[in-house]
Amino acid sequence: MNAIAERWIGSCRREATDRVLITGQRHLRLVVSEYADHYNRHRPHRSLGQHPPDQLIAAEPRSASDRTMVSRLDRLGGLIHEYKQAA
């Protein structure tokens, strides 16, 4: 479990906390919780077949066509972008 925790902490530092000026404990908790939500709900994981942990049993996404609309959600003030197909 130590290797898994070290991997997550390293990812959190590289992708979030090293790129944001943390102003206090409350701000740090907000940044880490926002990143944890992104990590578990959207970010693809190679060992899970490019699926996030929370969507392992979800249906496969629709295939894209020429008219597919894509929406973007900015997280952490635009530091992280999440993309999904718009309905």
PDB file of N, CA and C in Angstrom:
ATOM      1  N   MET A   1       0.818  -1.188   0.000  1.00  0.00           N
ATOM      2  CA  MET A   1       0.000   0.000   0.000  1.00  0.00           C
ATOM      3  C   MET A   1       0.867   1.259   0.000  1.00  0.00           C
ATOM      4  N   ASN A   2       2.073   1.161   0.514  1.00  0.00           N
ATOM      5  CA  ASN A   2       2.945   2.320   0.553  1.00  0.00           C
ATOM      6  C   ASN A   2       3.268   2.816  -0.853  1.00  0.00           C
ATOM      7  N   ALA A   3       3.487   1.889  -1.795  1.00  0.00           N
ATOM      8  CA  ALA A   3       3.792   2.276  -3.170  1.00  0.00           C
ATOM      9  C   ALA A   3       2.607   2.983  -3.818  1.00  0.00           C
ATOM     10  N   ILE A   4       1.408   2.515  -3.539  1.00  0.00           N
ATOM     11  CA  ILE A   4       0.213   3.148  -4.096  1.00  0.00           C
ATOM     12  C   ILE A   4       0.049   4.550  -3.533  1.00  0.00           C
ATOM     13  N   ALA A   5       0.239   4.707  -2.229  1.00  0.00           N
ATOM     14  CA  ALA A   5       0.125   6.033  -1.609  1.00  0.00           C
ATOM     15  C   ALA A   5       1.188   6.984  -2.142  1.00  0.00           C
ATOM     16  N   GLU A   6       2.402   6.499  -2.306  1.00  0.00           N
ATOM     17  CA  GLU A   6       3.464   7.350  -2.844  1.00  0.00           C
ATOM     18  C   GLU A   6       3.170   7.768  -4.277  1.00  0.00           C
ATOM     19  N   ARG A   7       2.610   6.867  -5.065  1.00  0.00           N
ATOM     20  CA  ARG A   7       2.250   7.191  -6.451  1.00  0.00           C
ATOM     21  C   ARG A   7       1.191   8.290  -6.488  1.00  0.00           C
ATOM     22  N   TRP A   8       0.156   8.171  -5.633  1.00  0.00           N
ATOM     23  CA  TRP A   8      -0.910   9.173  -5.619  1.00  0.00           C
ATOM     24  C   TRP A   8      -0.381  10.528  -5.147  1.00  0.00           C
ATOM     25  N   ILE A   9       0.423  10.520  -4.105  1.00  0.00           N
ATOM     26  CA  ILE A   9       0.983  11.772  -3.590  1.00  0.00           C
ATOM     27  C   ILE A   9       1.864  12.434  -4.635  1.00  0.00           C
ATOM     28  N   GLY A  10       2.670  11.656  -5.348  1.00  0.00           N
ATOM     29  CA  GLY A  10       3.507  12.206  -6.410  1.00  0.00           C
ATOM     30  C   GLY A  10       2.679  12.806  -7.525  1.00  0.00           C
ATOM     31  N   SER A  11       1.615  12.121  -7.936  1.00  0.00           N
ATOM     32  CA  SER A  11       0.729  12.650  -8.978  1.00  0.00           C
ATOM     33  C   SER A  11       0.060  13.940  -8.521  1.00  0.00           C
ATOM     34  N   CYS A  12      -0.407  13.956  -7.290  1.00  0.00           N
ATOM     35  CA  CYS A  12      -1.069  15.154  -6.748  1.00  0.00           C
ATOM     36  C   CYS A  12      -0.104  16.335  -6.717  1.00  0.00           C
ATOM     37  N   ARG A  13       1.114  16.091  -6.296  1.00  0.00           N
ATOM     38  CA  ARG A  13       2.101  17.168  -6.243  1.00  0.00           C
ATOM     39  C   ARG A  13       2.437  17.681  -7.634  1.00  0.00           C
ATOM     40  N   ARG A  14       2.730  16.760  -8.582  1.00  0.00           N
ATOM     41  CA  ARG A  14       3.127  17.177  -9.932  1.00  0.00           C
ATOM     42  C   ARG A  14       2.010  17.889 -10.672  1.00  0.00           C
ATOM     43  N   GLU A  15       0.777  17.389 -10.555  1.00  0.00           N
ATOM     44  CA  GLU A  15      -0.323  17.909 -11.359  1.00  0.00           C
ATOM     45  C   GLU A  15      -1.111  19.026 -10.694  1.00  0.00           C
ATOM     46  N   ALA A  16      -0.983  19.211  -9.381  1.00  0.00           N
ATOM     47  CA  ALA A  16      -1.820  20.206  -8.711  1.00  0.00           C
ATOM     48  C   ALA A  16      -1.038  21.134  -7.789  1.00  0.00           C
ATOM     49  N   THR A  17      -0.524  20.617  -6.694  1.00  0.00           N
ATOM     50  CA  THR A  17       0.007  21.508  -5.664  1.00  0.00           C
ATOM     51  C   THR A  17       1.286  22.229  -6.068  1.00  0.00           C
ATOM     52  N   ASP A  18       2.098  21.650  -6.962  1.00  0.00           N
ATOM     53  CA  ASP A  18       3.309  22.344  -7.404  1.00  0.00           C
ATOM     54  C   ASP A  18       2.994  23.499  -8.354  1.00  0.00           C
ATOM     55  N   ARG A  19       1.772  23.558  -8.866  1.00  0.00           N
ATOM     56  CA  ARG A  19       1.394  24.576  -9.846  1.00  0.00           C
ATOM     57  C   ARG A  19       0.470  25.658  -9.282  1.00  0.00           C
ATOM     58  N   VAL A  20       0.160  25.539  -7.992  1.00  0.00           N
ATOM     59  CA  VAL A  20      -0.751  26.489  -7.346  1.00  0.00           C
ATOM     60  C   VAL A  20      -0.064  27.067  -6.116  1.00  0.00           C
ATOM     61  N   LEU A  21      -0.185  28.360  -5.922  1.00  0.00           N
ATOM     62  CA  LEU A  21       0.345  28.979  -4.714  1.00  0.00           C
ATOM     63  C   LEU A  21      -0.651  28.731  -3.588  1.00  0.00           C
ATOM     64  N   ILE A  22      -0.292  27.878  -2.656  1.00  0.00           N
ATOM     65  CA  ILE A  22      -1.168  27.505  -1.545  1.00  0.00           C
ATOM     66  C   ILE A  22      -1.071  28.590  -0.478  1.00  0.00           C
ATOM     67  N   THR A  23      -2.229  29.132  -0.080  1.00  0.00           N
ATOM     68  CA  THR A  23      -2.244  30.252   0.857  1.00  0.00           C
ATOM     69  C   THR A  23      -2.549  29.853   2.296  1.00  0.00           C
ATOM     70  N   GLY A  24      -2.917  28.600   2.524  1.00  0.00           N
ATOM     71  CA  GLY A  24      -3.197  28.166   3.890  1.00  0.00           C
ATOM     72  C   GLY A  24      -3.734  26.749   3.904  1.00  0.00           C
ATOM     73  N   GLN A  25      -4.010  26.261   5.097  1.00  0.00           N
ATOM     74  CA  GLN A  25      -4.463  24.891   5.257  1.00  0.00           C
ATOM     75  C   GLN A  25      -5.814  24.670   4.580  1.00  0.00           C
ATOM     76  N   ARG A  26      -6.723  25.608   4.703  1.00  0.00           N
ATOM     77  CA  ARG A  26      -8.046  25.482   4.083  1.00  0.00           C
ATOM     78  C   ARG A  26      -7.929  25.429   2.562  1.00  0.00           C
ATOM     79  N   HIS A  27      -7.072  26.265   1.999  1.00  0.00           N
ATOM     80  CA  HIS A  27      -6.856  26.272   0.556  1.00  0.00           C
ATOM     81  C   HIS A  27      -6.218  24.960   0.098  1.00  0.00           C
ATOM     82  N   LEU A  28      -5.263  24.439   0.856  1.00  0.00           N
ATOM     83  CA  LEU A  28      -4.628  23.164   0.523  1.00  0.00           C
ATOM     84  C   LEU A  28      -5.660  22.042   0.509  1.00  0.00           C
ATOM     85  N   ARG A  29      -6.543  22.004   1.505  1.00  0.00           N
ATOM     86  CA  ARG A  29      -7.583  20.979   1.541  1.00  0.00           C
ATOM     87  C   ARG A  29      -8.504  21.087   0.337  1.00  0.00           C
ATOM     88  N   LEU A  30      -8.839  22.291  -0.074  1.00  0.00           N
ATOM     89  CA  LEU A  30      -9.692  22.502  -1.241  1.00  0.00           C
ATOM     90  C   LEU A  30      -9.013  21.997  -2.510  1.00  0.00           C
ATOM     91  N   VAL A  31      -7.754  22.326  -2.705  1.00  0.00           N
ATOM     92  CA  VAL A  31      -7.016  21.907  -3.891  1.00  0.00           C
ATOM     93  C   VAL A  31      -6.876  20.392  -3.930  1.00  0.00           C
ATOM     94  N   VAL A  32      -6.515  19.775  -2.814  1.00  0.00           N
ATOM     95  CA  VAL A  32      -6.324  18.322  -2.781  1.00  0.00           C
ATOM     96  C   VAL A  32      -7.647  17.594  -2.979  1.00  0.00           C
ATOM     97  N   SER A  33      -8.733  18.087  -2.385  1.00  0.00           N
ATOM     98  CA  SER A  33     -10.026  17.416  -2.573  1.00  0.00           C
ATOM     99  C   SER A  33     -10.514  17.558  -4.012  1.00  0.00           C
ATOM    100  N   GLU A  34     -10.286  18.698  -4.635  1.00  0.00           N
ATOM    101  CA  GLU A  34     -10.663  18.893  -6.039  1.00  0.00           C
ATOM    102  C   GLU A  34      -9.850  17.968  -6.947  1.00  0.00           C
ATOM    103  N   TYR A  35      -8.555  17.832  -6.663  1.00  0.00           N
ATOM    104  CA  TYR A  35      -7.716  16.943  -7.454  1.00  0.00           C
ATOM    105  C   TYR A  35      -8.118  15.487  -7.236  1.00  0.00           C
ATOM    106  N   ALA A  36      -8.429  15.097  -6.005  1.00  0.00           N
ATOM    107  CA  ALA A  36      -8.845  13.723  -5.714  1.00  0.00           C
ATOM    108  C   ALA A  36     -10.131  13.388  -6.460  1.00  0.00           C
ATOM    109  N   ASP A  37     -11.057  14.328  -6.539  1.00  0.00           N
ATOM    110  CA  ASP A  37     -12.291  14.116  -7.291  1.00  0.00           C
ATOM    111  C   ASP A  37     -11.976  13.908  -8.772  1.00  0.00           C
ATOM    112  N   HIS A  38     -11.103  14.728  -9.328  1.00  0.00           N
ATOM    113  CA  HIS A  38     -10.687  14.587 -10.726  1.00  0.00           C
ATOM    114  C   HIS A  38      -9.982  13.244 -10.944  1.00  0.00           C
ATOM    115  N   TYR A  39      -9.106  12.872 -10.044  1.00  0.00           N
ATOM    116  CA  TYR A  39      -8.317  11.647 -10.155  1.00  0.00           C
ATOM    117  C   TYR A  39      -9.212  10.405 -10.159  1.00  0.00           C
ATOM    118  N   ASN A  40     -10.249  10.394  -9.329  1.00  0.00           N
ATOM    119  CA  ASN A  40     -11.107   9.219  -9.191  1.00  0.00           C
ATOM    120  C   ASN A  40     -12.277   9.179 -10.157  1.00  0.00           C
ATOM    121  N   ARG A  41     -12.694  10.322 -10.687  1.00  0.00           N
ATOM    122  CA  ARG A  41     -13.881  10.343 -11.538  1.00  0.00           C
ATOM    123  C   ARG A  41     -13.597  10.587 -13.020  1.00  0.00           C
ATOM    124  N   HIS A  42     -12.452  11.165 -13.360  1.00  0.00           N
ATOM    125  CA  HIS A  42     -12.238  11.524 -14.764  1.00  0.00           C
ATOM    126  C   HIS A  42     -10.900  11.056 -15.332  1.00  0.00           C
ATOM    127  N   ARG A  43      -9.838  11.175 -14.589  1.00  0.00           N
ATOM    128  CA  ARG A  43      -8.493  10.901 -15.105  1.00  0.00           C
ATOM    129  C   ARG A  43      -8.330   9.430 -15.486  1.00  0.00           C
ATOM    130  N   PRO A  44      -7.889   9.133 -16.726  1.00  0.00           N
ATOM    131  CA  PRO A  44      -7.720   7.740 -17.129  1.00  0.00           C
ATOM    132  C   PRO A  44      -6.513   7.093 -16.448  1.00  0.00           C
ATOM    133  N   HIS A  45      -6.649   5.819 -16.137  1.00  0.00           N
ATOM    134  CA  HIS A  45      -5.590   5.050 -15.496  1.00  0.00           C
ATOM    135  C   HIS A  45      -5.199   3.904 -16.423  1.00  0.00           C
ATOM    136  N   ARG A  46      -3.925   3.809 -16.752  1.00  0.00           N
ATOM    137  CA  ARG A  46      -3.451   2.786 -17.687  1.00  0.00           C
ATOM    138  C   ARG A  46      -3.755   1.376 -17.184  1.00  0.00           C
ATOM    139  N   SER A  47      -3.582   1.130 -15.903  1.00  0.00           N
ATOM    140  CA  SER A  47      -3.799  -0.216 -15.363  1.00  0.00           C
ATOM    141  C   SER A  47      -5.272  -0.619 -15.345  1.00  0.00           C
ATOM    142  N   LEU A  48      -6.171   0.341 -15.521  1.00  0.00           N
ATOM    143  CA  LEU A  48      -7.613   0.058 -15.514  1.00  0.00           C
ATOM    144  C   LEU A  48      -8.207   0.146 -16.916  1.00  0.00           C
ATOM    145  N   GLY A  49      -7.389   0.022 -17.939  1.00  0.00           N
ATOM    146  CA  GLY A  49      -7.894   0.075 -19.307  1.00  0.00           C
ATOM    147  C   GLY A  49      -8.330   1.465 -19.719  1.00  0.00           C
ATOM    148  N   GLN A  50      -7.636   2.491 -19.259  1.00  0.00           N
ATOM    149  CA  GLN A  50      -7.915   3.899 -19.547  1.00  0.00           C
ATOM    150  C   GLN A  50      -9.265   4.362 -18.991  1.00  0.00           C
ATOM    151  N   HIS A  51      -9.717   3.711 -17.916  1.00  0.00           N
ATOM    152  CA  HIS A  51     -10.939   4.135 -17.231  1.00  0.00           C
ATOM    153  C   HIS A  51     -10.576   4.711 -15.874  1.00  0.00           C
ATOM    154  N   PRO A  52     -11.335   5.693 -15.385  1.00  0.00           N
ATOM    155  CA  PRO A  52     -11.130   6.152 -14.006  1.00  0.00           C
ATOM    156  C   PRO A  52     -11.689   5.120 -13.025  1.00  0.00           C
ATOM    157  N   PRO A  53     -11.201   5.100 -11.791  1.00  0.00           N
ATOM    158  CA  PRO A  53     -11.662   4.101 -10.825  1.00  0.00           C
ATOM    159  C   PRO A  53     -13.161   4.107 -10.565  1.00  0.00           C
ATOM    160  N   ASP A  54     -13.806   5.263 -10.561  1.00  0.00           N
ATOM    161  CA  ASP A  54     -15.233   5.327 -10.261  1.00  0.00           C
ATOM    162  C   ASP A  54     -16.110   4.901 -11.427  1.00  0.00           C
ATOM    163  N   GLN A  55     -15.551   4.686 -12.617  1.00  0.00           N
ATOM    164  CA  GLN A  55     -16.361   4.344 -13.788  1.00  0.00           C
ATOM    165  C   GLN A  55     -15.967   3.011 -14.396  1.00  0.00           C
ATOM    166  N   LEU A  56     -15.503   2.082 -13.577  1.00  0.00           N
ATOM    167  CA  LEU A  56     -15.084   0.782 -14.098  1.00  0.00           C
ATOM    168  C   LEU A  56     -16.246  -0.020 -14.665  1.00  0.00           C
ATOM    169  N   ILE A  57     -17.446   0.140 -14.117  1.00  0.00           N
ATOM    170  CA  ILE A  57     -18.584  -0.652 -14.586  1.00  0.00           C
ATOM    171  C   ILE A  57     -19.505   0.155 -15.492  1.00  0.00           C
ATOM    172  N   ALA A  58     -19.125   1.379 -15.824  1.00  0.00           N
ATOM    173  CA  ALA A  58     -19.955   2.221 -16.693  1.00  0.00           C
ATOM    174  C   ALA A  58     -19.889   1.718 -18.134  1.00  0.00           C
ATOM    175  N   ALA A  59     -20.901   2.065 -18.894  1.00  0.00           N
ATOM    176  CA  ALA A  59     -20.951   1.673 -20.300  1.00  0.00           C
ATOM    177  C   ALA A  59     -19.875   2.408 -21.094  1.00  0.00           C
ATOM    178  N   GLU A  60     -19.500   1.832 -22.213  1.00  0.00           N
ATOM    179  CA  GLU A  60     -18.500   2.453 -23.084  1.00  0.00           C
ATOM    180  C   GLU A  60     -19.058   3.768 -23.646  1.00  0.00           C
ATOM    181  N   PRO A  61     -18.220   4.790 -23.790  1.00  0.00           N
ATOM    182  CA  PRO A  61     -18.704   6.056 -24.342  1.00  0.00           C
ATOM    183  C   PRO A  61     -19.069   5.909 -25.818  1.00  0.00           C
ATOM    184  N   ARG A  62     -19.952   6.789 -26.266  1.00  0.00           N
ATOM    185  CA  ARG A  62     -20.343   6.778 -27.666  1.00  0.00           C
ATOM    186  C   ARG A  62     -19.146   7.139 -28.528  1.00  0.00           C
ATOM    187  N   SER A  63     -19.122   6.623 -29.734  1.00  0.00           N
ATOM    188  CA  SER A  63     -18.032   6.978 -30.645  1.00  0.00           C
ATOM    189  C   SER A  63     -18.302   8.368 -31.220  1.00  0.00           C
ATOM    190  N   ALA A  64     -17.234   9.080 -31.487  1.00  0.00           N
ATOM    191  CA  ALA A  64     -17.347  10.456 -31.981  1.00  0.00           C
ATOM    192  C   ALA A  64     -17.641  10.463 -33.473  1.00  0.00           C
ATOM    193  N   SER A  65     -18.408  11.461 -33.895  1.00  0.00           N
ATOM    194  CA  SER A  65     -18.681  11.674 -35.317  1.00  0.00           C
ATOM    195  C   SER A  65     -18.296  13.115 -35.656  1.00  0.00           C
ATOM    196  N   ASP A  66     -18.534  13.505 -36.888  1.00  0.00           N
ATOM    197  CA  ASP A  66     -18.183  14.861 -37.317  1.00  0.00           C
ATOM    198  C   ASP A  66     -18.998  15.924 -36.590  1.00  0.00           C
ATOM    199  N   ARG A  67     -20.176  15.572 -36.140  1.00  0.00           N
ATOM    200  CA  ARG A  67     -21.063  16.554 -35.489  1.00  0.00           C
ATOM    201  C   ARG A  67     -21.074  16.436 -33.973  1.00  0.00           C
ATOM    202  N   THR A  68     -20.169  15.702 -33.427  1.00  0.00           N
ATOM    203  CA  THR A  68     -20.116  15.522 -31.980  1.00  0.00           C
ATOM    204  C   THR A  68     -19.696  16.826 -31.304  1.00  0.00           C
ATOM    205  N   MET A  69     -20.479  17.233 -30.324  1.00  0.00           N
ATOM    206  CA  MET A  69     -20.164  18.425 -29.539  1.00  0.00           C
ATOM    207  C   MET A  69     -19.384  17.982 -28.301  1.00  0.00           C
ATOM    208  N   VAL A  70     -18.353  18.734 -27.987  1.00  0.00           N
ATOM    209  CA  VAL A  70     -17.519  18.435 -26.832  1.00  0.00           C
ATOM    210  C   VAL A  70     -17.603  19.604 -25.864  1.00  0.00           C
ATOM    211  N   SER A  71     -17.823  19.300 -24.591  1.00  0.00           N
ATOM    212  CA  SER A  71     -17.833  20.354 -23.578  1.00  0.00           C
ATOM    213  C   SER A  71     -16.594  20.209 -22.701  1.00  0.00           C
ATOM    214  N   ARG A  72     -16.114  21.333 -22.198  1.00  0.00           N
ATOM    215  CA  ARG A  72     -14.918  21.345 -21.365  1.00  0.00           C
ATOM    216  C   ARG A  72     -15.262  21.908 -20.002  1.00  0.00           C
ATOM    217  N   LEU A  73     -14.777  21.238 -18.963  1.00  0.00           N
ATOM    218  CA  LEU A  73     -14.953  21.703 -17.594  1.00  0.00           C
ATOM    219  C   LEU A  73     -13.577  22.027 -17.044  1.00  0.00           C
ATOM    220  N   ASP A  74     -13.385  23.259 -16.604  1.00  0.00           N
ATOM    221  CA  ASP A  74     -12.118  23.669 -16.013  1.00  0.00           C
ATOM    222  C   ASP A  74     -12.155  23.406 -14.513  1.00  0.00           C
ATOM    223  N   ARG A  75     -11.098  22.788 -14.008  1.00  0.00           N
ATOM    224  CA  ARG A  75     -10.978  22.521 -12.586  1.00  0.00           C
ATOM    225  C   ARG A  75      -9.742  23.213 -12.064  1.00  0.00           C
ATOM    226  N   LEU A  76      -9.752  23.580 -10.821  1.00  0.00           N
ATOM    227  CA  LEU A  76      -8.650  24.282 -10.166  1.00  0.00           C
ATOM    228  C   LEU A  76      -8.283  25.547 -10.931  1.00  0.00           C
ATOM    229  N   GLY A  77      -9.287  26.308 -11.305  1.00  0.00           N
ATOM    230  CA  GLY A  77      -9.054  27.591 -11.972  1.00  0.00           C
ATOM    231  C   GLY A  77      -8.469  27.458 -13.365  1.00  0.00           C
ATOM    232  N   GLY A  78      -8.730  26.359 -14.047  1.00  0.00           N
ATOM    233  CA  GLY A  78      -8.223  26.150 -15.387  1.00  0.00           C
ATOM    234  C   GLY A  78      -6.929  25.358 -15.447  1.00  0.00           C
ATOM    235  N   LEU A  79      -6.420  24.928 -14.315  1.00  0.00           N
ATOM    236  CA  LEU A  79      -5.193  24.130 -14.281  1.00  0.00           C
ATOM    237  C   LEU A  79      -5.422  22.748 -14.889  1.00  0.00           C
ATOM    238  N   ILE A  80      -6.598  22.183 -14.637  1.00  0.00           N
ATOM    239  CA  ILE A  80      -6.966  20.871 -15.153  1.00  0.00           C
ATOM    240  C   ILE A  80      -8.214  21.038 -16.002  1.00  0.00           C
ATOM    241  N   HIS A  81      -8.220  20.428 -17.177  1.00  0.00           N
ATOM    242  CA  HIS A  81      -9.386  20.458 -18.071  1.00  0.00           C
ATOM    243  C   HIS A  81      -9.951  19.061 -18.200  1.00  0.00           C
ATOM    244  N   GLU A  82     -11.274  18.972 -18.116  1.00  0.00           N
ATOM    245  CA  GLU A  82     -11.964  17.697 -18.332  1.00  0.00           C
ATOM    246  C   GLU A  82     -12.868  17.875 -19.540  1.00  0.00           C
ATOM    247  N   TYR A  83     -12.841  16.914 -20.443  1.00  0.00           N
ATOM    248  CA  TYR A  83     -13.630  16.967 -21.661  1.00  0.00           C
ATOM    249  C   TYR A  83     -14.628  15.821 -21.658  1.00  0.00           C
ATOM    250  N   LYS A  84     -15.825  16.077 -22.193  1.00  0.00           N
ATOM    251  CA  LYS A  84     -16.822  15.024 -22.366  1.00  0.00           C
ATOM    252  C   LYS A  84     -17.730  15.401 -23.528  1.00  0.00           C
ATOM    253  N   GLN A  85     -18.399  14.389 -24.060  1.00  0.00           N
ATOM    254  CA  GLN A  85     -19.316  14.628 -25.155  1.00  0.00           C
ATOM    255  C   GLN A  85     -20.574  15.291 -24.619  1.00  0.00           C
ATOM    256  N   ALA A  86     -21.013  16.350 -25.295  1.00  0.00           N
ATOM    257  CA  ALA A  86     -22.234  17.052 -24.902  1.00  0.00           C
ATOM    258  C   ALA A  86     -23.422  16.319 -25.488  1.00  0.00           C
ATOM    259  N   ALA A  87     -24.509  16.295 -24.758  1.00  0.00           N
ATOM    260  CA  ALA A  87     -25.711  15.597 -25.228  1.00  0.00           C
ATOM    261  C   ALA A  87     -26.418  16.389 -26.281  1.00  0.00           C
TER     262      ALA A  87
END
